[in-house]
Amino acid sequence: MAAARGRTVSDRRGALRGLDQSSVMGMELVSATLTWAGIGWLVDRWLGTAPWLLAAGALVGYAAGLTLVWLRARRMDALEAAAGARDPDGAPS
């Protein structure tokens, strides 16, 4: 009974950790896009080239955000693989 209870707590922690990481990924994507779009907008106002640098900044920000999401996903996969290598049957330690 205690092992089943420990596994449930471990599963719940894993689910919450995944939810936390996915929230961070979403915020990274949105914040990178908005930051670079904002920089493009400011430079557009300065140079009078609206809306070209705003659009370019939004695209650069989106690409940067996707890169951050991809890197975080790789890190999560590596951590999950390392945890699986330490404990192949999934039992809590």
PDB file of N, CA and C in Angstrom:
ATOM      1  N   MET A   1       0.822  -1.195   0.000  1.00  0.00           N
ATOM      2  CA  MET A   1       0.000   0.000   0.000  1.00  0.00           C
ATOM      3  C   MET A   1       0.865   1.257   0.000  1.00  0.00           C
ATOM      4  N   ALA A   2       1.947   1.234   0.799  1.00  0.00           N
ATOM      5  CA  ALA A   2       2.826   2.402   0.878  1.00  0.00           C
ATOM      6  C   ALA A   2       3.538   2.644  -0.447  1.00  0.00           C
ATOM      7  N   ALA A   3       3.913   1.548  -1.134  1.00  0.00           N
ATOM      8  CA  ALA A   3       4.585   1.714  -2.424  1.00  0.00           C
ATOM      9  C   ALA A   3       3.635   2.332  -3.449  1.00  0.00           C
ATOM     10  N   ALA A   4       2.381   1.895  -3.429  1.00  0.00           N
ATOM     11  CA  ALA A   4       1.398   2.458  -4.356  1.00  0.00           C
ATOM     12  C   ALA A   4       1.151   3.929  -4.046  1.00  0.00           C
ATOM     13  N   ARG A   5       1.109   4.238  -2.759  1.00  0.00           N
ATOM     14  CA  ARG A   5       0.903   5.632  -2.360  1.00  0.00           C
ATOM     15  C   ARG A   5       2.092   6.496  -2.784  1.00  0.00           C
ATOM     16  N   GLY A   6       3.311   6.005  -2.606  1.00  0.00           N
ATOM     17  CA  GLY A   6       4.507   6.731  -3.010  1.00  0.00           C
ATOM     18  C   GLY A   6       4.552   6.938  -4.509  1.00  0.00           C
ATOM     19  N   ARG A   7       4.130   5.942  -5.257  1.00  0.00           N
ATOM     20  CA  ARG A   7       4.120   6.055  -6.705  1.00  0.00           C
ATOM     21  C   ARG A   7       3.096   7.101  -7.149  1.00  0.00           C
ATOM     22  N   THR A   8       1.956   7.174  -6.467  1.00  0.00           N
ATOM     23  CA  THR A   8       0.940   8.164  -6.800  1.00  0.00           C
ATOM     24  C   THR A   8       1.453   9.571  -6.551  1.00  0.00           C
ATOM     25  N   VAL A   9       2.122   9.771  -5.437  1.00  0.00           N
ATOM     26  CA  VAL A   9       2.702  11.078  -5.131  1.00  0.00           C
ATOM     27  C   VAL A   9       3.767  11.425  -6.159  1.00  0.00           C
ATOM     28  N   SER A  10       4.580  10.445  -6.533  1.00  0.00           N
ATOM     29  CA  SER A  10       5.612  10.672  -7.533  1.00  0.00           C
ATOM     30  C   SER A  10       4.991  11.024  -8.886  1.00  0.00           C
ATOM     31  N   ASP A  11       3.919  10.321  -9.262  1.00  0.00           N
ATOM     32  CA  ASP A  11       3.232  10.621 -10.522  1.00  0.00           C
ATOM     33  C   ASP A  11       2.643  12.021 -10.495  1.00  0.00           C
ATOM     34  N   ARG A  12       2.070  12.396  -9.353  1.00  0.00           N
ATOM     35  CA  ARG A  12       1.483  13.724  -9.227  1.00  0.00           C
ATOM     36  C   ARG A  12       2.559  14.795  -9.332  1.00  0.00           C
ATOM     37  N   ARG A  13       3.700  14.557  -8.692  1.00  0.00           N
ATOM     38  CA  ARG A  13       4.807  15.516  -8.789  1.00  0.00           C
ATOM     39  C   ARG A  13       5.310  15.639 -10.219  1.00  0.00           C
ATOM     40  N   GLY A  14       5.393  14.508 -10.915  1.00  0.00           N
ATOM     41  CA  GLY A  14       5.823  14.540 -12.312  1.00  0.00           C
ATOM     42  C   GLY A  14       4.854  15.304 -13.193  1.00  0.00           C
ATOM     43  N   ALA A  15       3.549  15.121 -12.936  1.00  0.00           N
ATOM     44  CA  ALA A  15       2.543  15.842 -13.716  1.00  0.00           C
ATOM     45  C   ALA A  15       2.625  17.336 -13.439  1.00  0.00           C
ATOM     46  N   LEU A  16       2.797  17.708 -12.190  1.00  0.00           N
ATOM     47  CA  LEU A  16       2.911  19.128 -11.847  1.00  0.00           C
ATOM     48  C   LEU A  16       4.191  19.727 -12.413  1.00  0.00           C
ATOM     49  N   ARG A  17       5.273  18.954 -12.420  1.00  0.00           N
ATOM     50  CA  ARG A  17       6.528  19.437 -12.997  1.00  0.00           C
ATOM     51  C   ARG A  17       6.357  19.664 -14.500  1.00  0.00           C
ATOM     52  N   GLY A  18       5.643  18.751 -15.173  1.00  0.00           N
ATOM     53  CA  GLY A  18       5.381  18.916 -16.595  1.00  0.00           C
ATOM     54  C   GLY A  18       4.503  20.125 -16.878  1.00  0.00           C
ATOM     55  N   LEU A  19       3.504  20.346 -16.020  1.00  0.00           N
ATOM     56  CA  LEU A  19       2.645  21.521 -16.181  1.00  0.00           C
ATOM     57  C   LEU A  19       3.437  22.799 -15.975  1.00  0.00           C
ATOM     58  N   ASP A  20       4.315  22.788 -14.991  1.00  0.00           N
ATOM     59  CA  ASP A  20       5.169  23.947 -14.738  1.00  0.00           C
ATOM     60  C   ASP A  20       6.065  24.242 -15.937  1.00  0.00           C
ATOM     61  N   GLN A  21       6.693  23.216 -16.469  1.00  0.00           N
ATOM     62  CA  GLN A  21       7.594  23.408 -17.608  1.00  0.00           C
ATOM     63  C   GLN A  21       6.837  23.876 -18.847  1.00  0.00           C
ATOM     64  N   SER A  22       5.633  23.345 -19.068  1.00  0.00           N
ATOM     65  CA  SER A  22       4.875  23.783 -20.241  1.00  0.00           C
ATOM     66  C   SER A  22       4.418  25.231 -20.087  1.00  0.00           C
ATOM     67  N   SER A  23       4.110  25.649 -18.871  1.00  0.00           N
ATOM     68  CA  SER A  23       3.756  27.055 -18.640  1.00  0.00           C
ATOM     69  C   SER A  23       4.936  27.964 -18.924  1.00  0.00           C
ATOM     70  N   VAL A  24       6.109  27.547 -18.485  1.00  0.00           N
ATOM     71  CA  VAL A  24       7.323  28.339 -18.741  1.00  0.00           C
ATOM     72  C   VAL A  24       7.595  28.410 -20.236  1.00  0.00           C
ATOM     73  N   MET A  25       7.400  27.304 -20.945  1.00  0.00           N
ATOM     74  CA  MET A  25       7.612  27.297 -22.395  1.00  0.00           C
ATOM     75  C   MET A  25       6.683  28.285 -23.090  1.00  0.00           C
ATOM     76  N   GLY A  26       5.429  28.281 -22.695  1.00  0.00           N
ATOM     77  CA  GLY A  26       4.474  29.206 -23.296  1.00  0.00           C
ATOM     78  C   GLY A  26       4.839  30.659 -23.026  1.00  0.00           C
ATOM     79  N   MET A  27       5.251  30.941 -21.803  1.00  0.00           N
ATOM     80  CA  MET A  27       5.629  32.309 -21.463  1.00  0.00           C
ATOM     81  C   MET A  27       6.903  32.734 -22.194  1.00  0.00           C
ATOM     82  N   GLU A  28       7.836  31.820 -22.371  1.00  0.00           N
ATOM     83  CA  GLU A  28       9.047  32.143 -23.124  1.00  0.00           C
ATOM     84  C   GLU A  28       8.713  32.494 -24.568  1.00  0.00           C
ATOM     85  N   LEU A  29       7.816  31.720 -25.168  1.00  0.00           N
ATOM     86  CA  LEU A  29       7.437  31.967 -26.558  1.00  0.00           C
ATOM     87  C   LEU A  29       6.752  33.328 -26.699  1.00  0.00           C
ATOM     88  N   VAL A  30       5.803  33.607 -25.819  1.00  0.00           N
ATOM     89  CA  VAL A  30       5.070  34.873 -25.892  1.00  0.00           C
ATOM     90  C   VAL A  30       5.980  36.052 -25.572  1.00  0.00           C
ATOM     91  N   SER A  31       6.775  35.933 -24.514  1.00  0.00           N
ATOM     92  CA  SER A  31       7.614  37.071 -24.120  1.00  0.00           C
ATOM     93  C   SER A  31       8.700  37.370 -25.154  1.00  0.00           C
ATOM     94  N   ALA A  32       9.289  36.344 -25.761  1.00  0.00           N
ATOM     95  CA  ALA A  32      10.303  36.583 -26.795  1.00  0.00           C
ATOM     96  C   ALA A  32       9.676  37.279 -28.004  1.00  0.00           C
ATOM     97  N   THR A  33       8.493  36.820 -28.403  1.00  0.00           N
ATOM     98  CA  THR A  33       7.823  37.439 -29.547  1.00  0.00           C
ATOM     99  C   THR A  33       7.478  38.892 -29.263  1.00  0.00           C
ATOM    100  N   LEU A  34       6.883  39.152 -28.095  1.00  0.00           N
ATOM    101  CA  LEU A  34       6.492  40.524 -27.764  1.00  0.00           C
ATOM    102  C   LEU A  34       7.698  41.435 -27.558  1.00  0.00           C
ATOM    103  N   THR A  35       8.755  40.913 -26.975  1.00  0.00           N
ATOM    104  CA  THR A  35       9.950  41.734 -26.753  1.00  0.00           C
ATOM    105  C   THR A  35      10.561  42.176 -28.076  1.00  0.00           C
ATOM    106  N   TRP A  36      10.768  41.230 -28.979  1.00  0.00           N
ATOM    107  CA  TRP A  36      11.383  41.573 -30.262  1.00  0.00           C
ATOM    108  C   TRP A  36      10.454  42.395 -31.135  1.00  0.00           C
ATOM    109  N   ALA A  37       9.144  42.147 -31.055  1.00  0.00           N
ATOM    110  CA  ALA A  37       8.200  42.986 -31.795  1.00  0.00           C
ATOM    111  C   ALA A  37       8.230  44.410 -31.248  1.00  0.00           C
ATOM    112  N   GLY A  38       8.338  44.546 -29.925  1.00  0.00           N
ATOM    113  CA  GLY A  38       8.438  45.865 -29.308  1.00  0.00           C
ATOM    114  C   GLY A  38       9.700  46.598 -29.725  1.00  0.00           C
ATOM    115  N   ILE A  39      10.808  45.877 -29.800  1.00  0.00           N
ATOM    116  CA  ILE A  39      12.061  46.491 -30.257  1.00  0.00           C
ATOM    117  C   ILE A  39      11.917  46.947 -31.712  1.00  0.00           C
ATOM    118  N   GLY A  40      11.297  46.097 -32.546  1.00  0.00           N
ATOM    119  CA  GLY A  40      11.065  46.471 -33.939  1.00  0.00           C
ATOM    120  C   GLY A  40      10.166  47.692 -34.056  1.00  0.00           C
ATOM    121  N   TRP A  41       9.138  47.767 -33.213  1.00  0.00           N
ATOM    122  CA  TRP A  41       8.234  48.919 -33.222  1.00  0.00           C
ATOM    123  C   TRP A  41       8.965  50.203 -32.840  1.00  0.00           C
ATOM    124  N   LEU A  42       9.816  50.105 -31.800  1.00  0.00           N
ATOM    125  CA  LEU A  42      10.572  51.289 -31.383  1.00  0.00           C
ATOM    126  C   LEU A  42      11.532  51.762 -32.480  1.00  0.00           C
ATOM    127  N   VAL A  43      12.213  50.836 -33.114  1.00  0.00           N
ATOM    128  CA  VAL A  43      13.142  51.208 -34.187  1.00  0.00           C
ATOM    129  C   VAL A  43      12.360  51.749 -35.388  1.00  0.00           C
ATOM    130  N   ASP A  44      11.185  51.179 -35.666  1.00  0.00           N
ATOM    131  CA  ASP A  44      10.314  51.709 -36.720  1.00  0.00           C
ATOM    132  C   ASP A  44       9.935  53.161 -36.449  1.00  0.00           C
ATOM    133  N   ARG A  45       9.577  53.463 -35.227  1.00  0.00           N
ATOM    134  CA  ARG A  45       9.207  54.842 -34.884  1.00  0.00           C
ATOM    135  C   ARG A  45      10.402  55.774 -35.043  1.00  0.00           C
ATOM    136  N   TRP A  46      11.578  55.283 -34.684  1.00  0.00           N
ATOM    137  CA  TRP A  46      12.791  56.086 -34.744  1.00  0.00           C
ATOM    138  C   TRP A  46      13.190  56.371 -36.195  1.00  0.00           C
ATOM    139  N   LEU A  47      13.092  55.326 -37.048  1.00  0.00           N
ATOM    140  CA  LEU A  47      13.515  55.459 -38.440  1.00  0.00           C
ATOM    141  C   LEU A  47      12.381  55.833 -39.390  1.00  0.00           C
ATOM    142  N   GLY A  48      11.135  55.723 -38.941  1.00  0.00           N
ATOM    143  CA  GLY A  48       9.991  56.016 -39.786  1.00  0.00           C
ATOM    144  C   GLY A  48       9.749  54.975 -40.862  1.00  0.00           C
ATOM    145  N   THR A  49      10.010  53.717 -40.567  1.00  0.00           N
ATOM    146  CA  THR A  49       9.873  52.644 -41.555  1.00  0.00           C
ATOM    147  C   THR A  49       8.690  51.726 -41.274  1.00  0.00           C
ATOM    148  N   ALA A  50       7.731  52.185 -40.492  1.00  0.00           N
ATOM    149  CA  ALA A  50       6.610  51.331 -40.060  1.00  0.00           C
ATOM    150  C   ALA A  50       5.945  50.666 -41.253  1.00  0.00           C
ATOM    151  N   PRO A  51       5.508  49.472 -41.157  1.00  0.00           N
ATOM    152  CA  PRO A  51       5.534  48.472 -40.095  1.00  0.00           C
ATOM    153  C   PRO A  51       6.572  47.385 -40.321  1.00  0.00           C
ATOM    154  N   TRP A  52       7.584  47.655 -41.121  1.00  0.00           N
ATOM    155  CA  TRP A  52       8.502  46.603 -41.557  1.00  0.00           C
ATOM    156  C   TRP A  52       9.352  46.032 -40.437  1.00  0.00           C
ATOM    157  N   LEU A  53       9.924  46.857 -39.611  1.00  0.00           N
ATOM    158  CA  LEU A  53      10.768  46.333 -38.538  1.00  0.00           C
ATOM    159  C   LEU A  53       9.947  45.711 -37.420  1.00  0.00           C
ATOM    160  N   LEU A  54       8.717  46.164 -37.255  1.00  0.00           N
ATOM    161  CA  LEU A  54       7.818  45.510 -36.305  1.00  0.00           C
ATOM    162  C   LEU A  54       7.571  44.070 -36.740  1.00  0.00           C
ATOM    163  N   ALA A  55       7.269  43.880 -38.014  1.00  0.00           N
ATOM    164  CA  ALA A  55       7.031  42.527 -38.530  1.00  0.00           C
ATOM    165  C   ALA A  55       8.300  41.674 -38.452  1.00  0.00           C
ATOM    166  N   ALA A  56       9.423  42.270 -38.813  1.00  0.00           N
ATOM    167  CA  ALA A  56      10.683  41.524 -38.737  1.00  0.00           C
ATOM    168  C   ALA A  56      11.011  41.168 -37.290  1.00  0.00           C
ATOM    169  N   GLY A  57      10.791  42.095 -36.373  1.00  0.00           N
ATOM    170  CA  GLY A  57      11.036  41.820 -34.959  1.00  0.00           C
ATOM    171  C   GLY A  57      10.137  40.726 -34.426  1.00  0.00           C
ATOM    172  N   ALA A  58       8.867  40.727 -34.846  1.00  0.00           N
ATOM    173  CA  ALA A  58       7.949  39.672 -34.409  1.00  0.00           C
ATOM    174  C   ALA A  58       8.405  38.307 -34.921  1.00  0.00           C
ATOM    175  N   LEU A  59       8.875  38.256 -36.161  1.00  0.00           N
ATOM    176  CA  LEU A  59       9.360  36.981 -36.705  1.00  0.00           C
ATOM    177  C   LEU A  59      10.626  36.512 -36.000  1.00  0.00           C
ATOM    178  N   VAL A  60      11.540  37.435 -35.745  1.00  0.00           N
ATOM    179  CA  VAL A  60      12.768  37.084 -35.025  1.00  0.00           C
ATOM    180  C   VAL A  60      12.424  36.610 -33.613  1.00  0.00           C
ATOM    181  N   GLY A  61      11.512  37.313 -32.956  1.00  0.00           N
ATOM    182  CA  GLY A  61      11.103  36.926 -31.608  1.00  0.00           C
ATOM    183  C   GLY A  61      10.438  35.566 -31.580  1.00  0.00           C
ATOM    184  N   TYR A  62       9.605  35.290 -32.565  1.00  0.00           N
ATOM    185  CA  TYR A  62       8.955  33.988 -32.627  1.00  0.00           C
ATOM    186  C   TYR A  62       9.984  32.878 -32.829  1.00  0.00           C
ATOM    187  N   ALA A  63      10.949  33.122 -33.707  1.00  0.00           N
ATOM    188  CA  ALA A  63      12.011  32.133 -33.924  1.00  0.00           C
ATOM    189  C   ALA A  63      12.834  31.932 -32.652  1.00  0.00           C
ATOM    190  N   ALA A  64      13.134  33.021 -31.954  1.00  0.00           N
ATOM    191  CA  ALA A  64      13.889  32.908 -30.696  1.00  0.00           C
ATOM    192  C   ALA A  64      13.071  32.153 -29.659  1.00  0.00           C
ATOM    193  N   GLY A  65      11.772  32.426 -29.589  1.00  0.00           N
ATOM    194  CA  GLY A  65      10.915  31.718 -28.640  1.00  0.00           C
ATOM    195  C   GLY A  65      10.828  30.239 -28.941  1.00  0.00           C
ATOM    196  N   LEU A  66      10.703  29.891 -30.216  1.00  0.00           N
ATOM    197  CA  LEU A  66      10.673  28.475 -30.588  1.00  0.00           C
ATOM    198  C   LEU A  66      11.992  27.787 -30.243  1.00  0.00           C
ATOM    199  N   THR A  67      13.095  28.503 -30.425  1.00  0.00           N
ATOM    200  CA  THR A  67      14.395  27.942 -30.062  1.00  0.00           C
ATOM    201  C   THR A  67      14.469  27.684 -28.558  1.00  0.00           C
ATOM    202  N   LEU A  68      13.984  28.621 -27.762  1.00  0.00           N
ATOM    203  CA  LEU A  68      13.976  28.433 -26.308  1.00  0.00           C
ATOM    204  C   LEU A  68      13.099  27.248 -25.907  1.00  0.00           C
ATOM    205  N   VAL A  69      11.935  27.105 -26.536  1.00  0.00           N
ATOM    206  CA  VAL A  69      11.041  25.981 -26.247  1.00  0.00           C
ATOM    207  C   VAL A  69      11.720  24.669 -26.625  1.00  0.00           C
ATOM    208  N   TRP A  70      12.364  24.641 -27.783  1.00  0.00           N
ATOM    209  CA  TRP A  70      13.038  23.422 -28.234  1.00  0.00           C
ATOM    210  C   TRP A  70      14.168  23.035 -27.279  1.00  0.00           C
ATOM    211  N   LEU A  71      14.954  24.029 -26.841  1.00  0.00           N
ATOM    212  CA  LEU A  71      16.047  23.744 -25.907  1.00  0.00           C
ATOM    213  C   LEU A  71      15.522  23.227 -24.572  1.00  0.00           C
ATOM    214  N   ARG A  72      14.431  23.824 -24.069  1.00  0.00           N
ATOM    215  CA  ARG A  72      13.859  23.367 -22.806  1.00  0.00           C
ATOM    216  C   ARG A  72      13.299  21.957 -22.944  1.00  0.00           C
ATOM    217  N   ALA A  73      12.680  21.645 -24.074  1.00  0.00           N
ATOM    218  CA  ALA A  73      12.146  20.300 -24.301  1.00  0.00           C
ATOM    219  C   ALA A  73      13.270  19.274 -24.349  1.00  0.00           C
ATOM    220  N   ARG A  74      14.378  19.622 -24.992  1.00  0.00           N
ATOM    221  CA  ARG A  74      15.531  18.701 -25.019  1.00  0.00           C
ATOM    222  C   ARG A  74      16.067  18.463 -23.620  1.00  0.00           C
ATOM    223  N   ARG A  75      16.139  19.537 -22.812  1.00  0.00           N
ATOM    224  CA  ARG A  75      16.629  19.405 -21.444  1.00  0.00           C
ATOM    225  C   ARG A  75      15.687  18.522 -20.622  1.00  0.00           C
ATOM    226  N   MET A  76      14.367  18.683 -20.822  1.00  0.00           N
ATOM    227  CA  MET A  76      13.403  17.853 -20.108  1.00  0.00           C
ATOM    228  C   MET A  76      13.544  16.392 -20.517  1.00  0.00           C
ATOM    229  N   ASP A  77      13.732  16.141 -21.808  1.00  0.00           N
ATOM    230  CA  ASP A  77      13.919  14.770 -22.275  1.00  0.00           C
ATOM    231  C   ASP A  77      15.184  14.151 -21.695  1.00  0.00           C
ATOM    232  N   ALA A  78      16.256  14.929 -21.628  1.00  0.00           N
ATOM    233  CA  ALA A  78      17.506  14.420 -21.070  1.00  0.00           C
ATOM    234  C   ALA A  78      17.348  14.099 -19.591  1.00  0.00           C
ATOM    235  N   LEU A  79      16.653  14.961 -18.852  1.00  0.00           N
ATOM    236  CA  LEU A  79      16.434  14.695 -17.431  1.00  0.00           C
ATOM    237  C   LEU A  79      15.558  13.472 -17.223  1.00  0.00           C
ATOM    238  N   GLU A  80      14.543  13.312 -18.069  1.00  0.00           N
ATOM    239  CA  GLU A  80      13.669  12.149 -17.962  1.00  0.00           C
ATOM    240  C   GLU A  80      14.430  10.865 -18.295  1.00  0.00           C
ATOM    241  N   ALA A  81      15.300  10.923 -19.308  1.00  0.00           N
ATOM    242  CA  ALA A  81      16.097   9.748 -19.672  1.00  0.00           C
ATOM    243  C   ALA A  81      17.074   9.399 -18.558  1.00  0.00           C
ATOM    244  N   ALA A  82      17.666  10.416 -17.929  1.00  0.00           N
ATOM    245  CA  ALA A  82      18.587  10.159 -16.821  1.00  0.00           C
ATOM    246  C   ALA A  82      17.851   9.569 -15.632  1.00  0.00           C
ATOM    247  N   ALA A  83      16.644  10.047 -15.367  1.00  0.00           N
ATOM    248  CA  ALA A  83      15.852   9.487 -14.253  1.00  0.00           C
ATOM    249  C   ALA A  83      15.458   8.044 -14.567  1.00  0.00           C
ATOM    250  N   GLY A  84      15.125   7.762 -15.820  1.00  0.00           N
ATOM    251  CA  GLY A  84      14.765   6.397 -16.211  1.00  0.00           C
ATOM    252  C   GLY A  84      15.957   5.471 -16.142  1.00  0.00           C
ATOM    253  N   ALA A  85      17.150   5.956 -16.415  1.00  0.00           N
ATOM    254  CA  ALA A  85      18.361   5.140 -16.353  1.00  0.00           C
ATOM    255  C   ALA A  85      18.707   4.804 -14.902  1.00  0.00           C
ATOM    256  N   ARG A  86      18.450   5.731 -13.993  1.00  0.00           N
ATOM    257  CA  ARG A  86      18.724   5.478 -12.585  1.00  0.00           C
ATOM    258  C   ARG A  86      17.741   4.483 -11.989  1.00  0.00           C
ATOM    259  N   ASP A  87      16.481   4.566 -12.412  1.00  0.00           N
ATOM    260  CA  ASP A  87      15.428   3.732 -11.841  1.00  0.00           C
ATOM    261  C   ASP A  87      14.569   3.138 -12.960  1.00  0.00           C
ATOM    262  N   PRO A  88      15.021   2.043 -13.580  1.00  0.00           N
ATOM    263  CA  PRO A  88      14.365   1.534 -14.770  1.00  0.00           C
ATOM    264  C   PRO A  88      12.923   1.044 -14.560  1.00  0.00           C
ATOM    265  N   ASP A  89      12.557   0.586 -13.343  1.00  0.00           N
ATOM    266  CA  ASP A  89      11.204   0.090 -13.141  1.00  0.00           C
ATOM    267  C   ASP A  89      10.235   1.171 -12.701  1.00  0.00           C
ATOM    268  N   GLY A  90      10.710   2.395 -12.504  1.00  0.00           N
ATOM    269  CA  GLY A  90       9.830   3.514 -12.172  1.00  0.00           C
ATOM    270  C   GLY A  90       9.441   3.590 -10.723  1.00  0.00           C
ATOM    271  N   ALA A  91      10.005   2.743  -9.885  1.00  0.00           N
ATOM    272  CA  ALA A  91       9.680   2.771  -8.464  1.00  0.00           C
ATOM    273  C   ALA A  91      10.338   3.970  -7.799  1.00  0.00           C
ATOM    274  N   PRO A  92       9.655   4.577  -6.834  1.00  0.00           N
ATOM    275  CA  PRO A  92      10.268   5.716  -6.148  1.00  0.00           C
ATOM    276  C   PRO A  92      11.454   5.289  -5.313  1.00  0.00           C
ATOM    277  N   SER A  93      12.429   6.181  -5.173  1.00  0.00           N
ATOM    278  CA  SER A  93      13.605   5.812  -4.392  1.00  0.00           C
ATOM    279  C   SER A  93      13.469   6.223  -2.956  1.00  0.00           C
TER     280      SER A  93
END
